[in-house]
């Protein structure tokens, strides 16, 4: 009887320990403002890299660069405005 009680407690304790290791607590979710600011940073970074690529392109003429920059600026402003509306 004593051995049964000890083995039962031992199995129960080990199963609780394993269950606790399988399911760690969920990480906190970022707030809406944090998500928007993260997206803003990504948008700025993407804009700057595309701008650098356009301006440093060896074969593009000035007119082509101007047209591409105008389209890039328009798209950037639109996406920025949408992110501000979400905020």
PDB file of N, CA and C in Angstrom:
ATOM      1  N   UNK A   1       0.829  -1.189   0.000  1.00  0.00           N
ATOM      2  CA  UNK A   1       0.000   0.000   0.000  1.00  0.00           C
ATOM      3  C   UNK A   1       0.872   1.249   0.000  1.00  0.00           C
ATOM      4  N   UNK A   2       1.916   1.212   0.834  1.00  0.00           N
ATOM      5  CA  UNK A   2       2.810   2.357   0.922  1.00  0.00           C
ATOM      6  C   UNK A   2       3.542   2.585  -0.401  1.00  0.00           C
ATOM      7  N   UNK A   3       3.966   1.483  -1.048  1.00  0.00           N
ATOM      8  CA  UNK A   3       4.661   1.581  -2.328  1.00  0.00           C
ATOM      9  C   UNK A   3       3.737   2.135  -3.417  1.00  0.00           C
ATOM     10  N   UNK A   4       2.472   1.737  -3.395  1.00  0.00           N
ATOM     11  CA  UNK A   4       1.496   2.217  -4.363  1.00  0.00           C
ATOM     12  C   UNK A   4       1.286   3.720  -4.210  1.00  0.00           C
ATOM     13  N   UNK A   5       1.168   4.184  -2.990  1.00  0.00           N
ATOM     14  CA  UNK A   5       0.983   5.606  -2.726  1.00  0.00           C
ATOM     15  C   UNK A   5       2.195   6.408  -3.192  1.00  0.00           C
ATOM     16  N   UNK A   6       3.385   5.935  -2.903  1.00  0.00           N
ATOM     17  CA  UNK A   6       4.616   6.631  -3.295  1.00  0.00           C
ATOM     18  C   UNK A   6       4.749   6.652  -4.816  1.00  0.00           C
ATOM     19  N   UNK A   7       4.495   5.530  -5.469  1.00  0.00           N
ATOM     20  CA  UNK A   7       4.624   5.488  -6.929  1.00  0.00           C
ATOM     21  C   UNK A   7       3.569   6.366  -7.591  1.00  0.00           C
ATOM     22  N   UNK A   8       2.349   6.414  -7.017  1.00  0.00           N
ATOM     23  CA  UNK A   8       1.294   7.264  -7.565  1.00  0.00           C
ATOM     24  C   UNK A   8       1.689   8.734  -7.452  1.00  0.00           C
ATOM     25  N   UNK A   9       2.176   9.127  -6.289  1.00  0.00           N
ATOM     26  CA  UNK A   9       2.610  10.508  -6.100  1.00  0.00           C
ATOM     27  C   UNK A   9       3.783  10.857  -7.015  1.00  0.00           C
ATOM     28  N   UNK A  10       4.691   9.931  -7.193  1.00  0.00           N
ATOM     29  CA  UNK A  10       5.839  10.148  -8.050  1.00  0.00           C
ATOM     30  C   UNK A  10       5.401  10.352  -9.507  1.00  0.00           C
ATOM     31  N   UNK A  11       4.510   9.487  -9.998  1.00  0.00           N
ATOM     32  CA  UNK A  11       4.010   9.607 -11.383  1.00  0.00           C
ATOM     33  C   UNK A  11       3.233  10.902 -11.547  1.00  0.00           C
ATOM     34  N   UNK A  12       2.396  11.229 -10.585  1.00  0.00           N
ATOM     35  CA  UNK A  12       1.610  12.463 -10.652  1.00  0.00           C
ATOM     36  C   UNK A  12       2.524  13.688 -10.671  1.00  0.00           C
ATOM     37  N   UNK A  13       3.528  13.700  -9.839  1.00  0.00           N
ATOM     38  CA  UNK A  13       4.463  14.819  -9.789  1.00  0.00           C
ATOM     39  C   UNK A  13       5.254  14.973 -11.075  1.00  0.00           C
ATOM     40  N   UNK A  14       5.713  13.860 -11.638  1.00  0.00           N
ATOM     41  CA  UNK A  14       6.449  13.923 -12.903  1.00  0.00           C
ATOM     42  C   UNK A  14       5.563  14.381 -14.055  1.00  0.00           C
ATOM     43  N   UNK A  15       4.311  13.937 -14.063  1.00  0.00           N
ATOM     44  CA  UNK A  15       3.413  14.353 -15.143  1.00  0.00           C
ATOM     45  C   UNK A  15       3.113  15.847 -15.043  1.00  0.00           C
ATOM     46  N   UNK A  16       2.981  16.372 -13.838  1.00  0.00           N
ATOM     47  CA  UNK A  16       2.771  17.808 -13.670  1.00  0.00           C
ATOM     48  C   UNK A  16       3.996  18.584 -14.135  1.00  0.00           C
ATOM     49  N   UNK A  17       5.170  18.066 -13.844  1.00  0.00           N
ATOM     50  CA  UNK A  17       6.402  18.713 -14.258  1.00  0.00           C
ATOM     51  C   UNK A  17       6.504  18.740 -15.785  1.00  0.00           C
ATOM     52  N   UNK A  18       6.183  17.642 -16.438  1.00  0.00           N
ATOM     53  CA  UNK A  18       6.228  17.562 -17.901  1.00  0.00           C
ATOM     54  C   UNK A  18       5.187  18.488 -18.509  1.00  0.00           C
ATOM     55  N   UNK A  19       3.998  18.532 -17.939  1.00  0.00           N
ATOM     56  CA  UNK A  19       2.939  19.406 -18.452  1.00  0.00           C
ATOM     57  C   UNK A  19       3.367  20.863 -18.369  1.00  0.00           C
ATOM     58  N   UNK A  20       4.007  21.253 -17.300  1.00  0.00           N
ATOM     59  CA  UNK A  20       4.482  22.626 -17.147  1.00  0.00           C
ATOM     60  C   UNK A  20       5.568  22.979 -18.152  1.00  0.00           C
ATOM     61  N   UNK A  21       6.372  22.015 -18.534  1.00  0.00           N
ATOM     62  CA  UNK A  21       7.420  22.286 -19.517  1.00  0.00           C
ATOM     63  C   UNK A  21       6.862  22.354 -20.930  1.00  0.00           C
ATOM     64  N   UNK A  22       5.811  21.619 -21.215  1.00  0.00           N
ATOM     65  CA  UNK A  22       5.235  21.617 -22.558  1.00  0.00           C
ATOM     66  C   UNK A  22       4.549  22.929 -22.895  1.00  0.00           C
ATOM     67  N   UNK A  23       3.928  23.545 -21.931  1.00  0.00           N
ATOM     68  CA  UNK A  23       3.105  24.717 -22.176  1.00  0.00           C
ATOM     69  C   UNK A  23       3.664  25.943 -21.448  1.00  0.00           C
ATOM     70  N   UNK A  24       4.660  26.604 -22.042  1.00  0.00           N
ATOM     71  CA  UNK A  24       5.166  27.818 -21.403  1.00  0.00           C
ATOM     72  C   UNK A  24       4.128  28.935 -21.531  1.00  0.00           C
ATOM     73  N   UNK A  25       4.216  29.938 -20.710  1.00  0.00           N
ATOM     74  CA  UNK A  25       3.238  31.026 -20.794  1.00  0.00           C
ATOM     75  C   UNK A  25       3.356  31.758 -22.130  1.00  0.00           C
ATOM     76  N   UNK A  26       2.230  32.209 -22.639  1.00  0.00           N
ATOM     77  CA  UNK A  26       2.214  32.890 -23.930  1.00  0.00           C
ATOM     78  C   UNK A  26       2.899  34.247 -23.808  1.00  0.00           C
ATOM     79  N   UNK A  27       3.656  34.649 -24.829  1.00  0.00           N
ATOM     80  CA  UNK A  27       4.307  35.958 -24.779  1.00  0.00           C
ATOM     81  C   UNK A  27       3.260  37.066 -24.902  1.00  0.00           C
ATOM     82  N   UNK A  28       3.527  38.211 -24.340  1.00  0.00           N
ATOM     83  CA  UNK A  28       2.551  39.305 -24.426  1.00  0.00           C
ATOM     84  C   UNK A  28       2.426  39.806 -25.866  1.00  0.00           C
ATOM     85  N   UNK A  29       1.223  40.122 -26.262  1.00  0.00           N
ATOM     86  CA  UNK A  29       0.990  40.621 -27.613  1.00  0.00           C
ATOM     87  C   UNK A  29       1.317  42.104 -27.678  1.00  0.00           C
ATOM     88  N   UNK A  30       1.939  42.540 -28.779  1.00  0.00           N
ATOM     89  CA  UNK A  30       2.237  43.974 -28.896  1.00  0.00           C
ATOM     90  C   UNK A  30       0.953  44.775 -29.069  1.00  0.00           C
ATOM     91  N   UNK A  31       0.992  45.999 -28.601  1.00  0.00           N
ATOM     92  CA  UNK A  31      -0.197  46.835 -28.714  1.00  0.00           C
ATOM     93  C   UNK A  31      -0.343  47.332 -30.154  1.00  0.00           C
ATOM     94  N   UNK A  32      -1.476  47.936 -30.427  1.00  0.00           N
ATOM     95  CA  UNK A  32      -1.761  48.422 -31.776  1.00  0.00           C
ATOM     96  C   UNK A  32      -0.761  49.507 -32.174  1.00  0.00           C
ATOM     97  N   UNK A  33      -0.437  50.404 -31.238  1.00  0.00           N
ATOM     98  CA  UNK A  33       0.519  51.469 -31.538  1.00  0.00           C
ATOM     99  C   UNK A  33       1.910  50.912 -31.823  1.00  0.00           C
ATOM    100  N   UNK A  34       2.297  49.878 -31.102  1.00  0.00           N
ATOM    101  CA  UNK A  34       3.600  49.261 -31.353  1.00  0.00           C
ATOM    102  C   UNK A  34       3.644  48.623 -32.731  1.00  0.00           C
ATOM    103  N   UNK A  35       2.553  47.961 -33.128  1.00  0.00           N
ATOM    104  CA  UNK A  35       2.500  47.359 -34.457  1.00  0.00           C
ATOM    105  C   UNK A  35       2.567  48.417 -35.549  1.00  0.00           C
ATOM    106  N   UNK A  36       1.832  49.518 -35.357  1.00  0.00           N
ATOM    107  CA  UNK A  36       1.834  50.588 -36.359  1.00  0.00           C
ATOM    108  C   UNK A  36       3.217  51.214 -36.458  1.00  0.00           C
ATOM    109  N   UNK A  37       3.868  51.452 -35.332  1.00  0.00           N
ATOM    110  CA  UNK A  37       5.198  52.061 -35.389  1.00  0.00           C
ATOM    111  C   UNK A  37       6.210  51.112 -36.025  1.00  0.00           C
ATOM    112  N   UNK A  38       6.061  49.816 -35.791  1.00  0.00           N
ATOM    113  CA  UNK A  38       6.934  48.831 -36.431  1.00  0.00           C
ATOM    114  C   UNK A  38       6.737  48.842 -37.948  1.00  0.00           C
ATOM    115  N   UNK A  39       5.481  48.913 -38.381  1.00  0.00           N
ATOM    116  CA  UNK A  39       5.192  48.973 -39.815  1.00  0.00           C
ATOM    117  C   UNK A  39       5.724  50.277 -40.424  1.00  0.00           C
ATOM    118  N   UNK A  40       5.645  51.378 -39.677  1.00  0.00           N
ATOM    119  CA  UNK A  40       6.191  52.661 -40.157  1.00  0.00           C
ATOM    120  C   UNK A  40       7.691  52.555 -40.383  1.00  0.00           C
ATOM    121  N   UNK A  41       8.393  51.947 -39.435  1.00  0.00           N
ATOM    122  CA  UNK A  41       9.842  51.785 -39.566  1.00  0.00           C
ATOM    123  C   UNK A  41      10.189  50.923 -40.769  1.00  0.00           C
ATOM    124  N   UNK A  42       9.430  49.827 -40.951  1.00  0.00           N
ATOM    125  CA  UNK A  42       9.662  48.956 -42.109  1.00  0.00           C
ATOM    126  C   UNK A  42       9.413  49.705 -43.413  1.00  0.00           C
ATOM    127  N   UNK A  43       8.349  50.517 -43.434  1.00  0.00           N
ATOM    128  CA  UNK A  43       8.020  51.294 -44.629  1.00  0.00           C
ATOM    129  C   UNK A  43       9.119  52.303 -44.939  1.00  0.00           C
ATOM    130  N   UNK A  44       9.621  52.988 -43.907  1.00  0.00           N
ATOM    131  CA  UNK A  44      10.699  53.959 -44.108  1.00  0.00           C
ATOM    132  C   UNK A  44      11.962  53.277 -44.621  1.00  0.00           C
ATOM    133  N   UNK A  45      12.280  52.139 -44.045  1.00  0.00           N
ATOM    134  CA  UNK A  45      13.473  51.403 -44.467  1.00  0.00           C
ATOM    135  C   UNK A  45      13.343  50.950 -45.917  1.00  0.00           C
ATOM    136  N   UNK A  46      12.189  50.432 -46.284  1.00  0.00           N
ATOM    137  CA  UNK A  46      11.943  49.979 -47.651  1.00  0.00           C
ATOM    138  C   UNK A  46      12.021  51.160 -48.621  1.00  0.00           C
ATOM    139  N   UNK A  47      11.433  52.292 -48.228  1.00  0.00           N
ATOM    140  CA  UNK A  47      11.465  53.487 -49.077  1.00  0.00           C
ATOM    141  C   UNK A  47      12.900  53.946 -49.309  1.00  0.00           C
ATOM    142  N   UNK A  48      13.692  53.990 -48.255  1.00  0.00           N
ATOM    143  CA  UNK A  48      15.074  54.462 -48.384  1.00  0.00           C
ATOM    144  C   UNK A  48      15.919  53.536 -49.255  1.00  0.00           C
ATOM    145  N   UNK A  49      15.721  52.232 -49.126  1.00  0.00           N
ATOM    146  CA  UNK A  49      16.509  51.312 -49.960  1.00  0.00           C
ATOM    147  C   UNK A  49      16.101  51.421 -51.428  1.00  0.00           C
ATOM    148  N   UNK A  50      14.792  51.531 -51.692  1.00  0.00           N
ATOM    149  CA  UNK A  50      14.345  51.673 -53.084  1.00  0.00           C
ATOM    150  C   UNK A  50      14.818  52.995 -53.675  1.00  0.00           C
ATOM    151  N   UNK A  51      14.785  54.046 -52.877  1.00  0.00           N
ATOM    152  CA  UNK A  51      15.249  55.360 -53.346  1.00  0.00           C
ATOM    153  C   UNK A  51      16.735  55.295 -53.709  1.00  0.00           C
ATOM    154  N   UNK A  52      17.515  54.644 -52.844  1.00  0.00           N
ATOM    155  CA  UNK A  52      18.947  54.509 -53.095  1.00  0.00           C
ATOM    156  C   UNK A  52      19.200  53.718 -54.376  1.00  0.00           C
ATOM    157  N   UNK A  53      18.426  52.645 -54.574  1.00  0.00           N
ATOM    158  CA  UNK A  53      18.582  51.838 -55.786  1.00  0.00           C
ATOM    159  C   UNK A  53      18.241  52.630 -57.046  1.00  0.00           C
ATOM    160  N   UNK A  54      17.180  53.416 -56.979  1.00  0.00           N
ATOM    161  CA  UNK A  54      16.777  54.219 -58.138  1.00  0.00           C
ATOM    162  C   UNK A  54      17.837  55.266 -58.460  1.00  0.00           C
ATOM    163  N   UNK A  55      18.274  55.988 -57.435  1.00  0.00           N
ATOM    164  CA  UNK A  55      19.208  57.091 -57.678  1.00  0.00           C
ATOM    165  C   UNK A  55      20.595  56.601 -58.093  1.00  0.00           C
ATOM    166  N   UNK A  56      20.995  55.422 -57.674  1.00  0.00           N
ATOM    167  CA  UNK A  56      22.324  54.915 -58.002  1.00  0.00           C
ATOM    168  C   UNK A  56      22.339  53.976 -59.207  1.00  0.00           C
ATOM    169  N   UNK A  57      21.220  53.882 -59.920  1.00  0.00           N
ATOM    170  CA  UNK A  57      21.167  52.985 -61.078  1.00  0.00           C
ATOM    171  C   UNK A  57      22.054  53.543 -62.189  1.00  0.00           C
ATOM    172  N   UNK A  58      22.961  52.721 -62.726  1.00  0.00           N
ATOM    173  CA  UNK A  58      23.928  53.241 -63.706  1.00  0.00           C
ATOM    174  C   UNK A  58      23.348  53.509 -65.094  1.00  0.00           C
ATOM    175  N   UNK A  59      22.289  52.830 -65.496  1.00  0.00           N
ATOM    176  CA  UNK A  59      21.792  52.970 -66.860  1.00  0.00           C
ATOM    177  C   UNK A  59      20.577  53.883 -67.000  1.00  0.00           C
ATOM    178  N   UNK A  60      19.943  54.224 -65.900  1.00  0.00           N
ATOM    179  CA  UNK A  60      18.730  55.037 -65.964  1.00  0.00           C
ATOM    180  C   UNK A  60      19.071  56.500 -66.247  1.00  0.00           C
ATOM    181  N   UNK A  61      18.258  57.121 -67.101  1.00  0.00           N
ATOM    182  CA  UNK A  61      18.457  58.543 -67.402  1.00  0.00           C
ATOM    183  C   UNK A  61      17.825  59.383 -66.293  1.00  0.00           C
ATOM    184  N   UNK A  62      18.077  60.679 -66.339  1.00  0.00           N
ATOM    185  CA  UNK A  62      17.510  61.574 -65.317  1.00  0.00           C
ATOM    186  C   UNK A  62      15.989  61.566 -65.361  1.00  0.00           C
ATOM    187  N   UNK A  63      15.428  61.546 -66.566  1.00  0.00           N
ATOM    188  CA  UNK A  63      13.966  61.522 -66.699  1.00  0.00           C
ATOM    189  C   UNK A  63      13.379  60.229 -66.127  1.00  0.00           C
ATOM    190  N   UNK A  64      14.035  59.112 -66.411  1.00  0.00           N
ATOM    191  CA  UNK A  64      13.564  57.830 -65.875  1.00  0.00           C
ATOM    192  C   UNK A  64      13.628  57.830 -64.348  1.00  0.00           C
ATOM    193  N   UNK A  65      14.735  58.331 -63.804  1.00  0.00           N
ATOM    194  CA  UNK A  65      14.874  58.400 -62.347  1.00  0.00           C
ATOM    195  C   UNK A  65      13.808  59.302 -61.744  1.00  0.00           C
ATOM    196  N   UNK A  66      13.538  60.435 -62.409  1.00  0.00           N
ATOM    197  CA  UNK A  66      12.539  61.377 -61.908  1.00  0.00           C
ATOM    198  C   UNK A  66      11.158  60.722 -61.894  1.00  0.00           C
ATOM    199  N   UNK A  67      10.825  60.017 -62.971  1.00  0.00           N
ATOM    200  CA  UNK A  67       9.521  59.345 -63.037  1.00  0.00           C
ATOM    201  C   UNK A  67       9.404  58.247 -61.982  1.00  0.00           C
ATOM    202  N   UNK A  68      10.464  57.464 -61.814  1.00  0.00           N
ATOM    203  CA  UNK A  68      10.437  56.404 -60.810  1.00  0.00           C
ATOM    204  C   UNK A  68      10.337  56.976 -59.397  1.00  0.00           C
ATOM    205  N   UNK A  69      11.049  58.070 -59.137  1.00  0.00           N
ATOM    206  CA  UNK A  69      10.981  58.694 -57.809  1.00  0.00           C
ATOM    207  C   UNK A  69       9.596  59.272 -57.547  1.00  0.00           C
ATOM    208  N   UNK A  70       8.974  59.830 -58.590  1.00  0.00           N
ATOM    209  CA  UNK A  70       7.624  60.375 -58.422  1.00  0.00           C
ATOM    210  C   UNK A  70       6.644  59.265 -58.067  1.00  0.00           C
ATOM    211  N   UNK A  71       6.753  58.123 -58.759  1.00  0.00           N
ATOM    212  CA  UNK A  71       5.873  56.984 -58.464  1.00  0.00           C
ATOM    213  C   UNK A  71       6.149  56.425 -57.070  1.00  0.00           C
ATOM    214  N   UNK A  72       7.433  56.350 -56.707  1.00  0.00           N
ATOM    215  CA  UNK A  72       7.799  55.839 -55.378  1.00  0.00           C
ATOM    216  C   UNK A  72       7.273  56.766 -54.282  1.00  0.00           C
ATOM    217  N   UNK A  73       7.425  58.074 -54.466  1.00  0.00           N
ATOM    218  CA  UNK A  73       6.939  59.039 -53.470  1.00  0.00           C
ATOM    219  C   UNK A  73       5.425  58.967 -53.323  1.00  0.00           C
ATOM    220  N   UNK A  74       4.734  58.814 -54.448  1.00  0.00           N
ATOM    221  CA  UNK A  74       3.272  58.726 -54.395  1.00  0.00           C
ATOM    222  C   UNK A  74       2.829  57.482 -53.627  1.00  0.00           C
ATOM    223  N   UNK A  75       3.472  56.340 -53.927  1.00  0.00           N
ATOM    224  CA  UNK A  75       3.132  55.097 -53.232  1.00  0.00           C
ATOM    225  C   UNK A  75       3.467  55.194 -51.744  1.00  0.00           C
ATOM    226  N   UNK A  76       4.604  55.805 -51.439  1.00  0.00           N
ATOM    227  CA  UNK A  76       5.031  55.962 -50.049  1.00  0.00           C
ATOM    228  C   UNK A  76       4.041  56.834 -49.274  1.00  0.00           C
ATOM    229  N   UNK A  77       3.628  57.935 -49.864  1.00  0.00           N
ATOM    230  CA  UNK A  77       2.677  58.824 -49.188  1.00  0.00           C
ATOM    231  C   UNK A  77       1.328  58.125 -48.962  1.00  0.00           C
ATOM    232  N   UNK A  78       0.900  57.351 -49.932  1.00  0.00           N
ATOM    233  CA  UNK A  78      -0.373  56.626 -49.796  1.00  0.00           C
ATOM    234  C   UNK A  78      -0.303  55.616 -48.648  1.00  0.00           C
ATOM    235  N   UNK A  79       0.776  54.836 -48.618  1.00  0.00           N
ATOM    236  CA  UNK A  79       0.917  53.834 -47.554  1.00  0.00           C
ATOM    237  C   UNK A  79       1.066  54.496 -46.186  1.00  0.00           C
ATOM    238  N   UNK A  80       1.782  55.610 -46.133  1.00  0.00           N
ATOM    239  CA  UNK A  80       1.968  56.331 -44.872  1.00  0.00           C
ATOM    240  C   UNK A  80       0.614  56.873 -44.375  1.00  0.00           C
ATOM    241  N   UNK A  81      -0.177  57.396 -45.297  1.00  0.00           N
ATOM    242  CA  UNK A  81      -1.490  57.930 -44.930  1.00  0.00           C
ATOM    243  C   UNK A  81      -2.393  56.817 -44.401  1.00  0.00           C
ATOM    244  N   UNK A  82      -2.339  55.638 -45.039  1.00  0.00           N
ATOM    245  CA  UNK A  82      -3.145  54.510 -44.567  1.00  0.00           C
ATOM    246  C   UNK A  82      -2.726  54.081 -43.162  1.00  0.00           C
ATOM    247  N   UNK A  83      -1.410  54.063 -42.903  1.00  0.00           N
ATOM    248  CA  UNK A  83      -0.938  53.684 -41.566  1.00  0.00           C
ATOM    249  C   UNK A  83      -1.369  54.711 -40.520  1.00  0.00           C
ATOM    250  N   UNK A  84      -1.368  55.989 -40.881  1.00  0.00           N
ATOM    251  CA  UNK A  84      -1.803  57.021 -39.932  1.00  0.00           C
ATOM    252  C   UNK A  84      -3.289  56.904 -39.636  1.00  0.00           C
ATOM    253  N   UNK A  85      -4.078  56.492 -40.634  1.00  0.00           N
ATOM    254  CA  UNK A  85      -5.522  56.317 -40.416  1.00  0.00           C
ATOM    255  C   UNK A  85      -5.784  55.161 -39.459  1.00  0.00           C
ATOM    256  N   UNK A  86      -4.975  54.132 -39.546  1.00  0.00           N
ATOM    257  CA  UNK A  86      -5.129  52.967 -38.670  1.00  0.00           C
ATOM    258  C   UNK A  86      -4.813  53.356 -37.240  1.00  0.00           C
ATOM    259  N   UNK A  87      -3.813  54.210 -37.076  1.00  0.00           N
ATOM    260  CA  UNK A  87      -3.374  54.627 -35.748  1.00  0.00           C
ATOM    261  C   UNK A  87      -4.488  55.386 -35.088  1.00  0.00           C
TER     262      UNK A  87
END
